[in-house]
N, C-alpha and C. Protein backbone atom coordinates (compact mmCIF):
# COMPACT_ATOMS: atom_id res chain seq x y z
N MET A 1 8.61 -28.75 -13.14
CA MET A 1 9.39 -27.62 -12.72
C MET A 1 9.99 -27.64 -11.40
N PRO A 2 11.83 -27.65 -11.70
CA PRO A 2 12.47 -27.28 -10.55
C PRO A 2 12.25 -26.09 -10.11
N LYS A 3 12.60 -26.55 -8.68
CA LYS A 3 12.58 -25.51 -7.85
C LYS A 3 13.51 -25.45 -6.66
N ALA A 4 13.83 -24.28 -6.26
CA ALA A 4 14.89 -24.09 -5.34
C ALA A 4 14.59 -22.98 -3.87
N THR A 5 15.11 -23.29 -3.30
CA THR A 5 15.01 -22.78 -1.75
C THR A 5 15.90 -22.14 -1.44
N LEU A 6 16.14 -21.11 -0.96
CA LEU A 6 17.11 -20.60 0.14
C LEU A 6 16.90 -20.27 1.03
N GLU A 7 17.41 -20.99 2.45
CA GLU A 7 17.46 -20.79 4.02
C GLU A 7 18.29 -19.69 4.48
N PHE A 8 17.85 -19.32 5.30
CA PHE A 8 19.22 -18.19 6.12
C PHE A 8 18.77 -18.49 7.37
N ASN A 9 19.45 -18.12 8.29
CA ASN A 9 19.54 -18.13 9.46
C ASN A 9 19.96 -16.55 9.93
N LEU A 10 18.46 -16.06 10.19
CA LEU A 10 18.48 -14.82 10.77
C LEU A 10 18.19 -14.68 12.20
N PRO A 11 19.08 -13.77 12.82
CA PRO A 11 19.31 -12.12 12.40
C PRO A 11 20.81 -12.87 11.91
N GLU A 12 21.48 -14.11 12.00
CA GLU A 12 23.28 -14.03 11.85
C GLU A 12 23.69 -13.70 10.50
N GLU A 13 22.62 -14.32 9.22
CA GLU A 13 22.55 -13.89 7.82
C GLU A 13 21.76 -13.27 7.24
N ARG A 14 21.60 -11.93 8.31
CA ARG A 14 20.89 -10.82 7.52
C ARG A 14 21.08 -10.22 6.14
N VAL A 15 22.62 -9.89 6.06
CA VAL A 15 23.18 -9.20 4.97
C VAL A 15 23.09 -10.33 4.05
N GLU A 16 23.47 -11.74 3.84
CA GLU A 16 23.32 -12.44 3.04
C GLU A 16 21.80 -12.47 2.06
N PHE A 17 21.02 -12.47 3.20
CA PHE A 17 19.49 -12.27 2.81
C PHE A 17 18.91 -11.18 2.29
N LYS A 18 19.53 -9.89 2.71
CA LYS A 18 19.51 -8.65 2.05
C LYS A 18 19.95 -8.94 0.49
N LEU A 19 21.43 -9.21 0.68
CA LEU A 19 21.56 -9.55 -1.29
C LEU A 19 20.89 -10.02 -2.02
N ALA A 20 20.41 -11.42 -1.07
CA ALA A 20 20.18 -12.19 -2.33
C ALA A 20 18.41 -11.79 -2.78
N SER A 21 17.84 -11.00 -1.55
CA SER A 21 16.36 -10.57 -2.09
C SER A 21 16.14 -9.54 -2.82
N SER A 22 17.88 -8.80 -2.75
CA SER A 22 17.33 -7.47 -3.70
C SER A 22 18.60 -7.86 -5.50
N ALA A 23 18.64 -9.29 -5.28
CA ALA A 23 19.25 -9.17 -6.84
C ALA A 23 19.00 -8.52 -7.77
N LEU A 24 17.68 -9.02 -8.22
CA LEU A 24 17.01 -8.30 -9.31
C LEU A 24 17.25 -6.55 -9.32
N GLU A 25 17.01 -6.24 -8.00
CA GLU A 25 17.65 -4.81 -7.94
C GLU A 25 18.61 -4.18 -8.41
N TYR A 26 20.11 -4.98 -8.02
CA TYR A 26 21.07 -5.03 -7.95
C TYR A 26 21.22 -4.99 -9.44
N SER A 27 20.69 -6.04 -10.22
CA SER A 27 21.41 -6.23 -11.29
C SER A 27 20.47 -5.07 -12.37
N SER A 28 19.18 -5.10 -12.07
CA SER A 28 18.57 -3.84 -12.94
C SER A 28 19.40 -2.15 -12.95
N CYS A 29 20.00 -2.53 -11.74
CA CYS A 29 21.00 -1.09 -11.40
C CYS A 29 22.32 -1.10 -12.58
N LEU A 30 22.79 -2.17 -12.30
CA LEU A 30 24.09 -2.51 -12.88
C LEU A 30 23.78 -2.48 -15.25
N TRP A 31 22.54 -2.71 -15.42
CA TRP A 31 22.34 -2.75 -16.55
C TRP A 31 21.98 -1.22 -16.59
N ASP A 32 21.37 -0.63 -15.75
CA ASP A 32 21.13 0.89 -16.23
C ASP A 32 22.34 1.57 -16.34
N ILE A 33 23.25 1.49 -15.46
CA ILE A 33 24.62 1.99 -15.48
C ILE A 33 25.42 1.66 -16.71
N LYS A 34 25.25 0.36 -16.83
CA LYS A 34 26.17 0.11 -18.14
C LYS A 34 25.52 0.62 -19.46
N ASN A 35 24.41 1.04 -19.51
CA ASN A 35 23.76 1.84 -20.60
C ASN A 35 23.71 3.55 -20.38
N ILE A 36 24.06 3.77 -19.34
CA ILE A 36 24.45 5.43 -19.61
C ILE A 36 26.03 5.34 -20.19
N LEU A 37 26.87 4.75 -19.77
CA LEU A 37 28.23 4.95 -20.10
C LEU A 37 28.43 4.24 -21.34
N ARG A 38 27.61 3.70 -21.90
CA ARG A 38 27.46 3.16 -23.60
C ARG A 38 26.81 4.40 -23.94
N GLN A 39 25.69 4.98 -23.61
CA GLN A 39 25.32 6.06 -24.39
C GLN A 39 26.56 7.37 -24.66
N HIS A 40 27.35 7.46 -23.56
CA HIS A 40 28.34 8.41 -23.45
C HIS A 40 29.34 8.35 -24.65
N TYR A 41 29.61 6.78 -24.39
CA TYR A 41 31.10 6.47 -25.44
C TYR A 41 30.41 6.38 -26.58
N LYS A 42 29.46 5.79 -27.10
CA LYS A 42 28.83 5.38 -28.87
C LYS A 42 28.38 7.16 -29.16
N TYR A 43 27.93 7.46 -28.81
CA TYR A 43 26.84 8.95 -28.97
C TYR A 43 27.60 10.22 -28.59
N GLY A 44 28.70 10.36 -28.08
CA GLY A 44 29.90 11.18 -27.83
C GLY A 44 28.90 11.78 -26.33
N HIS A 45 29.75 13.07 -25.77
CA HIS A 45 29.43 14.14 -24.72
C HIS A 45 29.97 15.23 -24.87
N LYS A 46 29.15 16.23 -23.70
CA LYS A 46 29.62 17.41 -23.83
C LYS A 46 30.30 17.79 -23.02
N PHE A 47 31.04 17.02 -22.34
CA PHE A 47 32.16 17.34 -20.75
C PHE A 47 33.25 18.06 -21.55
N LYS A 48 33.48 18.81 -20.50
CA LYS A 48 34.53 19.94 -20.49
C LYS A 48 36.14 19.31 -20.83
N ASP A 49 35.83 18.27 -19.61
CA ASP A 49 37.26 17.61 -19.12
C ASP A 49 37.35 16.56 -18.20
N ALA A 50 37.95 15.58 -18.01
CA ALA A 50 37.81 14.14 -17.24
C ALA A 50 37.04 14.98 -16.00
N ASP A 51 37.60 15.41 -15.19
CA ASP A 51 36.88 15.87 -13.91
C ASP A 51 35.37 16.16 -13.96
N GLU A 52 35.05 16.91 -14.85
CA GLU A 52 33.72 16.86 -15.39
C GLU A 52 33.11 15.97 -15.77
N ALA A 53 33.36 15.01 -16.79
CA ALA A 53 32.66 13.50 -17.14
C ALA A 53 32.89 13.07 -15.42
N VAL A 54 33.62 12.57 -15.07
CA VAL A 54 33.83 11.59 -13.54
C VAL A 54 32.66 12.24 -12.73
N GLU A 55 32.38 13.66 -12.50
CA GLU A 55 31.24 13.89 -11.42
C GLU A 55 30.38 13.76 -12.17
N LYS A 56 29.69 14.36 -13.40
CA LYS A 56 28.07 14.15 -14.00
C LYS A 56 28.11 12.74 -13.94
N ILE A 57 28.85 11.86 -14.54
CA ILE A 57 28.78 10.17 -14.37
C ILE A 57 28.33 9.61 -13.21
N TYR A 58 29.11 10.17 -12.13
CA TYR A 58 29.08 9.80 -10.65
C TYR A 58 27.48 10.49 -10.13
N ASP A 59 27.25 11.10 -10.49
CA ASP A 59 25.75 11.91 -10.31
C ASP A 59 24.78 10.94 -10.60
N GLU A 60 24.96 10.61 -12.35
CA GLU A 60 23.80 9.63 -13.11
C GLU A 60 23.88 7.89 -12.21
N VAL A 61 25.13 8.12 -11.80
CA VAL A 61 25.38 6.41 -11.10
C VAL A 61 24.31 6.44 -9.77
N LEU A 62 24.65 7.31 -8.97
CA LEU A 62 24.04 8.08 -7.78
C LEU A 62 22.32 7.90 -8.00
N THR A 63 21.73 8.70 -8.80
CA THR A 63 20.70 9.11 -9.29
C THR A 63 19.85 7.04 -9.79
N ILE A 64 20.65 6.41 -10.50
CA ILE A 64 19.97 5.02 -10.84
C ILE A 64 20.11 4.48 -9.43
N ILE A 65 20.82 4.26 -8.36
CA ILE A 65 20.92 3.71 -7.31
C ILE A 65 19.90 4.08 -6.82
N SER A 66 19.41 5.49 -6.32
CA SER A 66 18.53 5.48 -5.64
C SER A 66 16.93 5.29 -6.21
N GLU A 67 17.07 5.39 -7.69
CA GLU A 67 15.63 5.06 -8.15
C GLU A 67 15.81 3.58 -8.42
N HIS A 68 16.65 2.87 -7.96
CA HIS A 68 16.12 1.41 -7.53
C HIS A 68 16.00 1.24 -6.25
N GLY A 69 16.03 1.87 -5.33
CA GLY A 69 16.06 1.65 -3.88
C GLY A 69 16.88 0.95 -3.03
N ILE A 70 18.21 1.18 -3.35
CA ILE A 70 19.40 0.35 -3.22
C ILE A 70 19.92 1.43 -2.75
N THR A 71 20.27 1.22 -0.87
CA THR A 71 20.56 1.98 0.29
C THR A 71 21.89 1.04 1.01
N ASP A 72 22.53 2.44 1.10
CA ASP A 72 24.06 1.60 2.27
C ASP A 72 23.54 0.70 3.28
N GLU A 73 22.62 0.57 3.82
CA GLU A 73 22.26 -0.10 4.96
C GLU A 73 21.81 -1.84 4.17
N ILE A 74 22.55 -2.64 5.03
CA ILE A 74 22.45 -3.75 4.64
C ILE A 74 22.12 -4.74 6.05
């Protein structure tokens, strides 16, 4: 079976290493965000207006990001 090895020159490529090693979390996070948007689109919602929708969806996205352990620090 073919193998691949990624090499990083630390600490200079710390950001690149963090992104590569967190790719699964980022991918899962995007998948979950896509699914909540799909649910609101497909099954409807009870938002009173666009501002409320943006606020609630923003909160849902922040929750998903937090649940996946993604932080602002890179």
